[in-house]
Amino acid sequence: MLAVQMVEITKHFGPLVANNKINFELKKGEVHALLGENGAGKTTLMRILYGLYHPDSGEIFIKDKKVSILSPRDAIDKGVGMVSQHFTLVAPLSVAENIVLGFNKGMTLDPKDVKNKVGQASRKFGVEVNPGALVRHLSVGERQRVEILKALYRDIDVLIMDEPTAVLVPQEVDVLFETLEKLQKEGLSIIFISHKLNEVMKISDRITVLRDGKCIGTVDKVQTSERELARMMVGRETFGVKRREEKCGDKPLLRVENVTALDKKGLSALKEISLEVCHGEILGIAGVSGNGQTELANILSGMLKPTSGKVIFDDRDITGYDPLAISKTGIGRIPEDRHAGIIHEMTVAENLALENLNEYTHNGMLNRKKIREHAEQMIKEYQIKANPTDQTRKLSGGNIQKVILARALSTQPRLVIAAQPTRGLDVGATEYVRNKLLEQRKQGVAVLLISEDLDEILSLSDRIAVIYEGRIVGILPANKATEELLGLLMCGAKEMISEI
């Protein structure tokens, strides 16, 4: 008996065919990964199963019985739960209150009884939570466990996980996978939506690949490889980037001298950071999330003022410059959070012009024609799947990142601050962004690459600086770096620090 069977599912959004006659089957007690690039149709298909969207045609069977799912309530009643990438918890409420929210059928609840029942459910399903804790005090990983338990509390048989690792650090990913393995052993059937090849190879039993709204095929994990899955995802055998050795400029373009800064809570985030980046060089900043990378990027982008120290760009002291002044000096910025780097309700054309409006203004009036012509050129050059007049919020994550990349690079900057430039992107978009950064390097542009992806750091960087607890603990040539050495430095291994 199949837990779920979806037959010839088709879904249109205007002229866009998001799902084109897709067939999908989930066996009882398996982890089935749904793999594909951003915009491939993965989330749309699962939102249909969960009742958030309705198919234009096709049939759904649950436990061999044909069903009609008109809402999430319908889906839950039929044993299907979903944990979205963006959580839906109420921060001021407790864990227990969030888990029973909307499930009490209007009855008055005894807080002590609710807390006890949620505690029992936590032990039963092996999903560790503190029922009495307030959600606003929880880490991202802990909030995700609350979402999982909230779904399981409703007696589901099928759990849909939509890009569950996108907001987690590596340690939290390990805990999540342990939780899913426990639930699978208890008989739960799991659909794991992802675009990360290594994760689906680690957690899944079978993998279905979608591309451009179509099902490319379903394979057993033991009979495939990351390379084959990449070919199915992007339609070609090879992928990745190759960095050629290039001679960097001798004179530093950017100098950061003994910079100290506080985080949003007023705590010390950077402690006398010093580094240099030369023309035609990529300096990678490696480190575990939360060690000062965000504050460093914000200082160099004009979003945060240091408490002490200097930032020197091309022999000019730009310490404390605001974002507009930073941009005018010739520094391009790729922000850590792509959604904070755009205005969602604006069009693609408007977002592409946003940081350089003086170029499109005459006598206080915007030259709309020039803005559109610029957008058309950028869309073509950067392969953005959108029209100039499209609202940016309708774009996939990969295409939003291309908009930001095009905006940053079209001004021909001399230095690019690239903070987590491929976070959350699929393999095709990741390859594209990385190659664009290498193109900048080849043209003599200096690039400061801040990334938590060690593969990215090792494949792109000429030199690598490791940041730990707000300090640069080591800087070494990329050709002398290994994942093991970097990993030890990122954990603050003092014996490794002394050797560099």
Protein backbone atom coordinates (compact mmCIF):
# COMPACT_ATOMS: atom_id res chain seq x y z
CA MET A 1 0.00 0.00 0.00
CA LEU A 2 1.27 3.46 -0.92
CA ALA A 3 1.05 6.22 1.68
CA VAL A 4 0.54 8.81 -1.09
CA GLN A 5 0.06 8.64 -4.84
CA MET A 6 -0.19 11.78 -7.00
CA VAL A 7 -1.20 11.14 -10.63
CA GLU A 8 -0.73 13.54 -13.58
CA ILE A 9 -0.78 16.65 -11.34
CA THR A 10 -0.87 19.89 -13.34
CA LYS A 11 -0.89 23.43 -11.93
CA HIS A 12 -0.78 26.76 -13.78
CA PHE A 13 -0.10 30.26 -12.44
CA GLY A 14 -1.24 32.37 -15.37
CA PRO A 15 0.94 31.39 -18.35
CA LEU A 16 3.49 29.63 -16.08
CA VAL A 17 3.17 25.83 -15.84
CA ALA A 18 4.47 25.13 -12.33
CA ASN A 19 3.60 21.40 -12.41
CA ASN A 20 3.22 19.57 -15.72
CA LYS A 21 1.54 16.14 -15.40
CA ILE A 22 3.69 15.07 -12.45
CA ASN A 23 3.47 11.56 -11.02
CA PHE A 24 4.77 10.98 -7.47
CA GLU A 25 4.55 8.01 -5.10
CA LEU A 26 5.44 7.77 -1.41
CA LYS A 27 5.81 4.34 0.22
CA LYS A 28 4.86 3.77 3.83
CA GLY A 29 7.80 4.29 6.19
CA GLU A 30 10.21 5.76 3.62
CA VAL A 31 12.02 9.08 3.35
CA HIS A 32 11.42 10.22 -0.22
CA ALA A 33 13.38 13.29 -1.33
CA LEU A 34 11.90 15.73 -3.82
CA LEU A 35 14.93 17.29 -5.49
CA GLY A 36 15.23 20.13 -7.97
CA GLU A 37 16.48 23.64 -8.62
CA ASN A 38 14.62 26.64 -7.19
CA GLY A 39 11.50 27.12 -9.27
CA ALA A 40 11.41 23.47 -10.42
CA GLY A 41 7.93 22.95 -8.91
CA LYS A 42 8.79 21.02 -5.72
CA THR A 43 7.03 23.25 -3.21
CA THR A 44 4.03 23.79 -5.50
CA LEU A 45 3.48 20.03 -5.75
CA MET A 46 3.62 19.59 -1.97
CA ARG A 47 1.39 22.58 -1.33
CA ILE A 48 -1.18 20.83 -3.50
CA LEU A 49 -0.85 17.71 -1.33
CA TYR A 50 -1.26 19.87 1.78
CA GLY A 51 -4.30 21.73 0.43
CA LEU A 52 -2.71 25.17 0.11
CA TYR A 53 -3.05 25.02 -3.70
CA HIS A 54 -5.59 23.16 -5.80
CA PRO A 55 -4.49 21.31 -8.95
CA ASP A 56 -5.91 22.24 -12.33
CA SER A 57 -6.00 18.53 -13.16
CA GLY A 58 -4.79 15.22 -11.77
CA GLU A 59 -5.71 12.89 -8.91
CA ILE A 60 -4.47 12.27 -5.37
CA PHE A 61 -4.70 8.95 -3.52
CA ILE A 62 -3.95 8.44 0.18
CA LYS A 63 -3.68 4.80 1.28
CA ASP A 64 -5.08 3.78 -2.11
CA LYS A 65 -8.22 5.89 -1.63
CA LYS A 66 -8.92 8.80 -3.98
CA VAL A 67 -9.25 12.04 -2.02
CA SER A 68 -10.02 15.70 -2.56
CA ILE A 69 -7.88 18.02 -0.41
CA LEU A 70 -9.36 21.51 -0.29
CA SER A 71 -7.50 22.94 2.70
CA PRO A 72 -4.72 22.17 5.22
CA ARG A 73 -7.47 21.04 7.62
CA ASP A 74 -8.54 18.47 5.01
CA ALA A 75 -4.92 17.33 4.65
CA ILE A 76 -4.40 16.97 8.42
CA ASP A 77 -7.69 15.05 8.75
CA LYS A 78 -6.35 12.67 6.09
CA GLY A 79 -3.02 12.24 7.93
CA VAL A 80 -0.81 14.70 6.01
CA GLY A 81 1.21 17.37 7.85
CA MET A 82 3.69 19.94 6.57
CA VAL A 83 6.54 21.90 8.12
CA SER A 84 7.21 24.95 5.95
CA GLN A 85 10.57 26.62 5.45
CA HIS A 86 9.16 29.73 7.15
CA PHE A 87 7.78 28.78 10.56
CA THR A 88 4.25 29.67 11.67
CA LEU A 89 4.72 29.81 15.43
CA VAL A 90 3.44 32.55 17.77
CA ALA A 91 6.56 33.87 19.50
CA PRO A 92 5.00 35.18 22.79
CA LEU A 93 3.25 31.83 23.48
CA SER A 94 4.78 28.74 25.05
CA VAL A 95 5.78 25.63 23.13
CA ALA A 96 2.77 23.72 24.50
CA GLU A 97 0.34 26.51 23.59
CA ASN A 98 1.72 26.67 20.03
CA ILE A 99 1.39 22.92 19.56
CA VAL A 100 -2.30 22.78 20.54
CA LEU A 101 -3.18 26.10 18.91
CA GLY A 102 -6.12 25.58 16.55
CA PHE A 103 -6.50 21.97 17.67
CA ASN A 104 -8.65 22.49 20.76
CA LYS A 105 -11.93 22.88 18.83
CA GLY A 106 -12.81 26.02 20.80
CA MET A 107 -12.69 24.34 24.21
CA THR A 108 -11.14 25.99 27.25
CA LEU A 109 -7.80 24.42 28.03
CA ASP A 110 -6.10 23.71 31.34
CA PRO A 111 -2.50 25.00 30.87
CA LYS A 112 -1.09 22.33 33.19
CA ASP A 113 -2.95 19.56 31.33
CA VAL A 114 -1.78 20.92 27.95
CA LYS A 115 1.82 21.04 29.15
CA ASN A 116 1.62 17.44 30.38
CA LYS A 117 0.08 16.16 27.13
CA VAL A 118 2.68 17.93 24.99
CA GLY A 119 5.41 16.50 27.22
CA GLN A 120 3.97 13.02 26.70
CA ALA A 121 3.86 13.56 22.93
CA SER A 122 7.45 14.78 22.97
CA ARG A 123 8.58 11.55 24.67
CA LYS A 124 6.36 9.35 22.49
CA PHE A 125 7.70 10.70 19.20
CA GLY A 126 11.25 11.24 20.39
CA VAL A 127 11.14 14.95 19.47
CA GLU A 128 12.80 16.79 22.32
CA VAL A 129 11.12 20.09 23.29
CA ASN A 130 10.51 22.01 26.52
CA PRO A 131 6.69 22.44 26.70
CA GLY A 132 6.91 25.41 29.07
CA ALA A 133 9.51 27.42 27.17
CA LEU A 134 8.44 30.55 25.29
CA VAL A 135 8.97 30.23 21.53
CA ARG A 136 10.68 33.61 21.33
CA HIS A 137 13.50 32.24 23.49
CA LEU A 138 14.19 29.23 21.23
CA SER A 139 16.90 28.78 18.62
CA VAL A 140 15.95 28.17 14.99
CA GLY A 141 16.62 24.43 15.36
CA GLU A 142 14.47 24.24 18.48
CA ARG A 143 11.62 26.07 16.73
CA GLN A 144 11.79 23.58 13.91
CA ARG A 145 11.38 20.69 16.37
CA VAL A 146 8.30 22.46 17.75
CA GLU A 147 6.86 22.64 14.22
CA ILE A 148 7.54 18.92 13.72
CA LEU A 149 5.89 17.99 17.02
CA LYS A 150 2.96 20.29 16.21
CA ALA A 151 2.36 18.25 13.05
CA LEU A 152 2.83 14.88 14.77
CA TYR A 153 0.48 15.88 17.60
CA ARG A 154 -2.31 15.84 15.02
CA ASP A 155 -1.83 12.08 14.39
CA ILE A 156 -0.38 12.36 10.91
CA ASP A 157 1.06 9.50 8.85
CA VAL A 158 2.85 11.65 6.26
CA LEU A 159 5.19 14.55 7.09
CA ILE A 160 6.27 17.03 4.39
CA MET A 161 9.51 18.90 5.19
CA ASP A 162 9.99 21.92 2.90
CA GLU A 163 13.69 22.89 2.63
CA PRO A 164 14.13 22.05 6.33
CA THR A 165 17.88 22.74 6.52
CA ALA A 166 17.89 26.16 4.81
CA VAL A 167 17.93 28.04 8.14
CA LEU A 168 19.95 25.56 10.22
CA VAL A 169 23.61 25.42 11.17
CA PRO A 170 25.43 22.08 10.57
CA GLN A 171 24.98 20.89 14.16
CA GLU A 172 21.22 21.50 13.97
CA VAL A 173 21.06 19.61 10.65
CA ASP A 174 22.57 16.56 12.35
CA VAL A 175 19.95 16.73 15.13
CA LEU A 176 17.16 17.07 12.54
CA PHE A 177 18.35 14.01 10.62
CA GLU A 178 18.51 11.97 13.84
CA THR A 179 14.92 13.01 14.58
CA LEU A 180 13.71 12.06 11.11
CA GLU A 181 15.42 8.66 11.31
CA LYS A 182 13.65 7.98 14.64
CA LEU A 183 10.28 8.95 13.17
CA GLN A 184 10.87 6.81 10.09
CA LYS A 185 11.55 3.78 12.30
CA GLU A 186 8.19 4.46 13.99
CA GLY A 187 6.49 4.10 10.59
CA LEU A 188 6.14 7.75 9.57
CA SER A 189 6.41 8.45 5.83
CA ILE A 190 8.48 11.57 5.09
CA ILE A 191 8.75 13.80 2.00
CA PHE A 192 11.99 15.79 2.13
CA ILE A 193 12.05 18.79 -0.23
CA SER A 194 15.58 19.94 -1.00
CA HIS A 195 18.06 21.12 -3.62
CA LYS A 196 21.13 19.92 -1.67
CA LEU A 197 22.63 16.80 -3.19
CA ASN A 198 24.66 15.71 -0.17
CA GLU A 199 21.63 15.93 2.14
CA VAL A 200 19.28 13.88 0.00
CA MET A 201 21.99 11.23 -0.40
CA LYS A 202 22.35 11.10 3.38
CA ILE A 203 18.72 11.04 4.52
CA SER A 204 16.54 9.59 1.73
CA ASP A 205 15.59 6.12 0.51
CA ARG A 206 14.35 7.27 -2.91
CA ILE A 207 14.72 10.53 -4.81
CA THR A 208 12.39 12.13 -7.35
CA VAL A 209 13.92 14.92 -9.45
CA LEU A 210 11.86 17.79 -10.91
CA ARG A 211 13.08 20.20 -13.57
CA ASP A 212 11.08 23.07 -15.09
CA GLY A 213 7.84 21.72 -13.64
CA LYS A 214 8.33 18.19 -15.03
CA CYS A 215 9.26 14.92 -13.35
CA ILE A 216 12.65 13.81 -14.70
CA GLY A 217 12.63 10.51 -12.84
CA THR A 218 12.67 8.60 -9.55
CA VAL A 219 15.75 6.67 -8.41
CA ASP A 220 16.83 4.59 -5.42
CA LYS A 221 19.59 6.28 -3.45
CA VAL A 222 21.78 3.16 -3.56
CA GLN A 223 21.64 3.15 -7.37
CA THR A 224 22.60 6.77 -8.01
CA SER A 225 25.26 9.38 -7.21
CA GLU A 226 25.52 13.12 -6.62
CA ARG A 227 26.87 13.56 -10.16
CA GLU A 228 23.95 11.71 -11.72
CA LEU A 229 21.44 13.65 -9.61
CA ALA A 230 23.09 16.91 -10.70
CA ARG A 231 22.74 15.85 -14.32
CA MET A 232 19.03 15.16 -13.75
CA MET A 233 18.58 18.52 -12.00
CA VAL A 234 20.34 20.83 -14.44
CA GLY A 235 20.42 18.76 -17.63
CA ARG A 236 24.15 18.31 -18.02
CA GLU A 237 26.85 15.96 -16.79
CA THR A 238 29.33 18.32 -15.18
CA PHE A 239 28.98 21.20 -12.79
CA GLY A 240 31.15 23.24 -10.47
CA VAL A 241 33.75 25.96 -10.84
CA LYS A 242 37.47 25.91 -11.48
CA ARG A 243 39.69 28.67 -10.13
CA ARG A 244 42.82 29.32 -12.13
CA GLU A 245 45.91 30.67 -10.45
CA GLU A 246 46.13 34.38 -11.19
CA LYS A 247 48.70 36.92 -10.05
CA CYS A 248 47.11 39.24 -7.50
CA GLY A 249 47.98 42.90 -7.13
CA ASP A 250 50.81 43.66 -4.75
CA LYS A 251 49.17 46.65 -3.09
CA PRO A 252 46.11 46.09 -0.86
CA LEU A 253 42.95 47.78 -2.12
CA LEU A 254 41.09 47.20 1.17
CA ARG A 255 42.67 47.35 4.62
CA VAL A 256 40.76 46.60 7.80
CA GLU A 257 42.82 47.75 10.77
CA ASN A 258 42.06 46.65 14.35
CA VAL A 259 38.30 46.96 13.92
CA THR A 260 36.14 46.30 16.97
CA ALA A 261 32.32 46.27 16.93
CA LEU A 262 29.25 45.34 18.96
CA ASP A 263 26.29 43.22 17.85
CA LYS A 264 22.60 44.17 18.09
CA LYS A 265 22.51 43.12 21.76
CA GLY A 266 25.44 45.37 22.62
CA LEU A 267 27.83 42.45 23.05
CA SER A 268 31.32 42.28 21.58
CA ALA A 269 31.12 40.80 18.06
CA LEU A 270 34.45 41.82 16.47
CA LYS A 271 37.71 42.09 18.41
CA GLU A 272 40.50 44.01 16.69
CA ILE A 273 39.97 42.46 13.25
CA SER A 274 42.72 43.13 10.73
CA LEU A 275 42.88 41.92 7.11
CA GLU A 276 43.81 43.02 3.60
CA VAL A 277 42.41 42.30 0.12
CA CYS A 278 44.37 43.04 -3.06
CA HIS A 279 43.32 43.74 -6.66
CA GLY A 280 42.40 40.51 -8.46
CA GLU A 281 42.21 38.48 -5.26
CA ILE A 282 39.44 36.58 -3.51
CA LEU A 283 39.94 36.54 0.25
CA GLY A 284 37.63 33.99 1.84
CA ILE A 285 36.37 34.43 5.40
CA ALA A 286 35.60 31.00 6.89
CA GLY A 287 33.84 30.43 10.18
CA VAL A 288 30.89 28.88 11.98
CA SER A 289 27.78 31.08 11.92
CA GLY A 290 27.65 33.71 14.65
CA ASN A 291 31.37 34.42 15.01
CA GLY A 292 31.25 38.00 13.74
CA GLN A 293 30.81 37.50 9.98
CA THR A 294 27.53 39.42 9.86
CA GLU A 295 28.99 42.40 11.72
CA LEU A 296 32.09 42.43 9.49
CA ALA A 297 29.94 42.47 6.34
CA ASN A 298 27.72 45.20 7.81
CA ILE A 299 30.69 47.42 8.65
CA LEU A 300 32.16 47.06 5.16
CA SER A 301 28.72 47.73 3.63
CA GLY A 302 28.04 50.84 5.73
CA MET A 303 25.26 49.22 7.79
CA LEU A 304 27.19 49.26 11.09
CA LYS A 305 29.73 51.64 12.61
CA PRO A 306 32.73 50.13 14.41
CA THR A 307 33.50 51.16 17.98
CA SER A 308 37.19 51.44 17.10
CA GLY A 309 39.60 50.73 14.27
CA LYS A 310 39.74 51.85 10.64
CA VAL A 311 38.53 50.74 7.22
CA ILE A 312 40.82 51.98 4.44
CA PHE A 313 39.77 51.64 0.79
CA ASP A 314 42.22 52.73 -1.90
CA ASP A 315 44.16 54.76 0.70
CA ARG A 316 40.99 56.60 1.75
CA ASP A 317 39.61 56.28 5.28
CA ILE A 318 35.95 55.22 4.80
CA THR A 319 35.31 54.23 8.42
CA GLY A 320 31.68 54.91 9.31
CA TYR A 321 30.53 55.73 5.76
CA ASP A 322 26.83 55.07 5.14
CA PRO A 323 25.70 52.57 2.43
CA LEU A 324 25.23 55.25 -0.25
CA ALA A 325 28.69 56.71 0.36
CA ILE A 326 30.19 53.20 0.36
CA SER A 327 28.55 52.49 -3.01
CA LYS A 328 29.91 55.73 -4.50
CA THR A 329 33.50 54.77 -3.60
CA GLY A 330 33.33 51.75 -5.92
CA ILE A 331 32.32 48.96 -3.55
CA GLY A 332 29.63 46.50 -4.66
CA ARG A 333 27.60 44.68 -2.02
CA ILE A 334 25.93 41.26 -2.07
CA PRO A 335 24.03 41.13 1.26
CA GLU A 336 23.82 38.09 3.50
CA ASP A 337 20.00 38.11 3.41
CA ARG A 338 18.86 38.42 -0.20
CA HIS A 339 15.32 39.29 0.87
CA ALA A 340 16.60 42.27 2.87
CA GLY A 341 18.57 43.38 -0.19
CA ILE A 342 15.51 44.06 -2.34
CA ILE A 343 12.10 45.71 -2.03
CA HIS A 344 9.67 42.91 -2.78
CA GLU A 345 6.78 45.06 -4.00
CA MET A 346 8.97 46.90 -6.50
CA THR A 347 9.52 45.61 -10.01
CA VAL A 348 12.66 43.85 -11.17
CA ALA A 349 13.62 46.97 -13.16
CA GLU A 350 13.20 49.25 -10.14
CA ASN A 351 15.25 46.96 -7.88
CA LEU A 352 18.03 46.79 -10.46
CA ALA A 353 18.24 50.60 -10.48
CA LEU A 354 17.75 51.08 -6.75
CA GLU A 355 21.35 51.71 -5.66
CA ASN A 356 22.23 53.93 -8.61
CA LEU A 357 19.20 56.18 -9.05
CA ASN A 358 21.32 59.22 -9.96
CA GLU A 359 22.05 57.52 -13.29
CA TYR A 360 18.33 57.44 -14.09
CA THR A 361 17.25 60.83 -12.76
CA HIS A 362 17.02 64.13 -14.66
CA ASN A 363 15.66 67.32 -13.08
CA GLY A 364 14.22 65.26 -10.22
CA MET A 365 12.33 62.92 -12.57
CA LEU A 366 13.05 59.23 -13.09
CA ASN A 367 13.77 58.15 -16.65
CA ARG A 368 11.53 55.08 -16.75
CA LYS A 369 12.59 54.19 -20.29
CA LYS A 370 16.26 54.12 -19.32
CA ILE A 371 15.48 52.03 -16.21
CA ARG A 372 13.61 49.49 -18.34
CA GLU A 373 16.35 49.34 -20.99
CA HIS A 374 18.94 48.74 -18.26
CA ALA A 375 16.76 45.97 -16.79
CA GLU A 376 16.35 44.28 -20.16
CA GLN A 377 20.10 44.27 -20.61
CA MET A 378 20.72 42.87 -17.10
CA ILE A 379 18.01 40.19 -17.48
CA LYS A 380 19.66 39.00 -20.67
CA GLU A 381 23.24 39.19 -19.39
CA TYR A 382 22.54 37.54 -16.03
CA GLN A 383 19.96 35.02 -17.31
CA ILE A 384 17.26 36.23 -14.92
CA LYS A 385 13.99 34.40 -15.45
CA ALA A 386 11.72 37.42 -15.20
CA ASN A 387 10.37 40.45 -17.06
CA PRO A 388 11.35 44.04 -16.12
CA THR A 389 7.80 44.74 -14.91
CA ASP A 390 7.48 41.62 -12.70
CA GLN A 391 7.22 42.20 -8.96
CA THR A 392 10.44 40.91 -7.43
CA ARG A 393 8.56 38.98 -4.73
CA LYS A 394 7.33 36.57 -7.40
CA LEU A 395 10.86 35.46 -8.32
CA SER A 396 12.57 32.30 -7.04
CA GLY A 397 15.46 32.66 -4.59
CA GLY A 398 18.01 32.03 -7.33
CA ASN A 399 16.58 34.74 -9.57
CA ILE A 400 16.39 37.23 -6.69
CA GLN A 401 20.08 36.56 -6.07
CA LYS A 402 20.81 37.18 -9.75
CA VAL A 403 19.01 40.54 -9.51
CA ILE A 404 21.21 41.50 -6.54
CA LEU A 405 24.32 40.23 -8.32
CA ALA A 406 23.49 42.18 -11.49
CA ARG A 407 22.85 45.36 -9.48
CA ALA A 408 26.14 45.00 -7.57
CA LEU A 409 28.33 44.19 -10.57
CA SER A 410 26.75 46.41 -13.24
CA THR A 411 28.32 49.50 -11.62
CA GLN A 412 31.76 47.97 -12.33
CA PRO A 413 32.93 47.98 -8.69
CA ARG A 414 36.58 47.71 -7.71
CA LEU A 415 35.75 45.71 -4.58
CA VAL A 416 32.87 43.26 -4.03
CA ILE A 417 31.69 42.31 -0.54
CA ALA A 418 29.96 38.95 -1.08
CA ALA A 419 28.27 37.70 2.10
CA GLN A 420 26.84 34.15 1.85
CA PRO A 421 26.32 34.66 -1.91
CA THR A 422 24.99 31.14 -2.61
CA ARG A 423 23.18 30.33 0.65
CA GLY A 424 19.95 28.47 -0.13
CA LEU A 425 20.62 28.32 -3.88
CA ASP A 426 20.35 25.19 -6.02
CA VAL A 427 23.33 23.68 -7.81
CA GLY A 428 22.76 25.54 -11.08
CA ALA A 429 22.34 28.99 -9.49
CA THR A 430 25.28 28.32 -7.16
CA GLU A 431 27.55 27.52 -10.09
CA TYR A 432 26.40 30.67 -11.89
CA VAL A 433 27.07 33.00 -8.95
CA ARG A 434 30.49 31.49 -8.23
CA ASN A 435 31.58 31.83 -11.84
CA LYS A 436 30.50 35.49 -11.83
CA LEU A 437 32.72 36.12 -8.79
CA LEU A 438 35.63 34.44 -10.55
CA GLU A 439 35.00 36.65 -13.60
CA GLN A 440 35.30 39.71 -11.36
CA ARG A 441 38.57 38.40 -9.94
CA LYS A 442 39.94 37.85 -13.45
CA GLN A 443 39.09 41.48 -14.30
CA GLY A 444 41.20 42.68 -11.37
CA VAL A 445 38.36 43.27 -8.92
CA ALA A 446 39.04 42.51 -5.26
CA VAL A 447 36.49 40.16 -3.67
CA LEU A 448 35.89 39.59 0.04
CA LEU A 449 33.94 36.31 0.22
CA ILE A 450 32.19 35.60 3.52
CA SER A 451 30.77 32.08 3.48
CA GLU A 452 29.91 29.22 5.83
CA ASP A 453 30.27 26.76 2.93
CA LEU A 454 33.79 25.32 3.12
CA ASP A 455 33.58 23.88 -0.40
CA GLU A 456 32.84 27.38 -1.65
CA ILE A 457 35.68 28.93 0.34
CA LEU A 458 38.19 26.32 -0.88
CA SER A 459 37.13 26.44 -4.53
CA LEU A 460 37.06 30.24 -4.91
CA SER A 461 39.60 31.75 -2.52
CA ASP A 462 43.24 32.71 -3.11
CA ARG A 463 43.75 33.18 0.61
CA ILE A 464 41.54 32.12 3.51
CA ALA A 465 41.07 33.94 6.82
CA VAL A 466 39.37 32.03 9.63
CA ILE A 467 37.20 33.95 12.09
CA TYR A 468 36.48 32.58 15.56
CA GLU A 469 34.71 34.42 18.40
CA GLY A 470 35.18 37.75 16.62
CA ARG A 471 38.88 37.37 15.93
CA ILE A 472 40.88 36.40 12.85
CA VAL A 473 42.71 33.33 14.17
CA GLY A 474 44.64 32.49 11.02
CA ILE A 475 45.21 33.51 7.39
CA LEU A 476 46.67 30.98 4.96
CA PRO A 477 47.03 30.42 1.21
CA ALA A 478 44.18 28.34 -0.24
CA ASN A 479 46.64 25.78 -1.64
CA LYS A 480 47.78 24.99 1.91
CA ALA A 481 44.28 24.74 3.36
CA THR A 482 42.27 21.55 3.95
CA GLU A 483 38.77 21.05 5.32
CA GLU A 484 40.28 19.38 8.38
CA LEU A 485 42.65 22.27 9.12
CA LEU A 486 39.97 24.89 8.53
CA GLY A 487 37.50 22.95 10.67
CA LEU A 488 39.96 22.90 13.58
CA LEU A 489 40.63 26.62 13.22
CA MET A 490 36.90 27.33 13.06
CA CYS A 491 36.52 25.56 16.41
CA GLY A 492 39.36 27.62 17.91
CA ALA A 493 41.92 24.81 18.16
CA LYS A 494 44.84 26.70 19.71
CA GLU A 495 47.47 24.20 18.62
CA MET A 496 46.53 24.79 14.98
CA ILE A 497 46.48 28.56 15.43
CA SER A 498 50.05 28.54 16.71
CA GLU A 499 51.25 26.65 13.64
CA ILE A 500 50.13 29.30 11.15
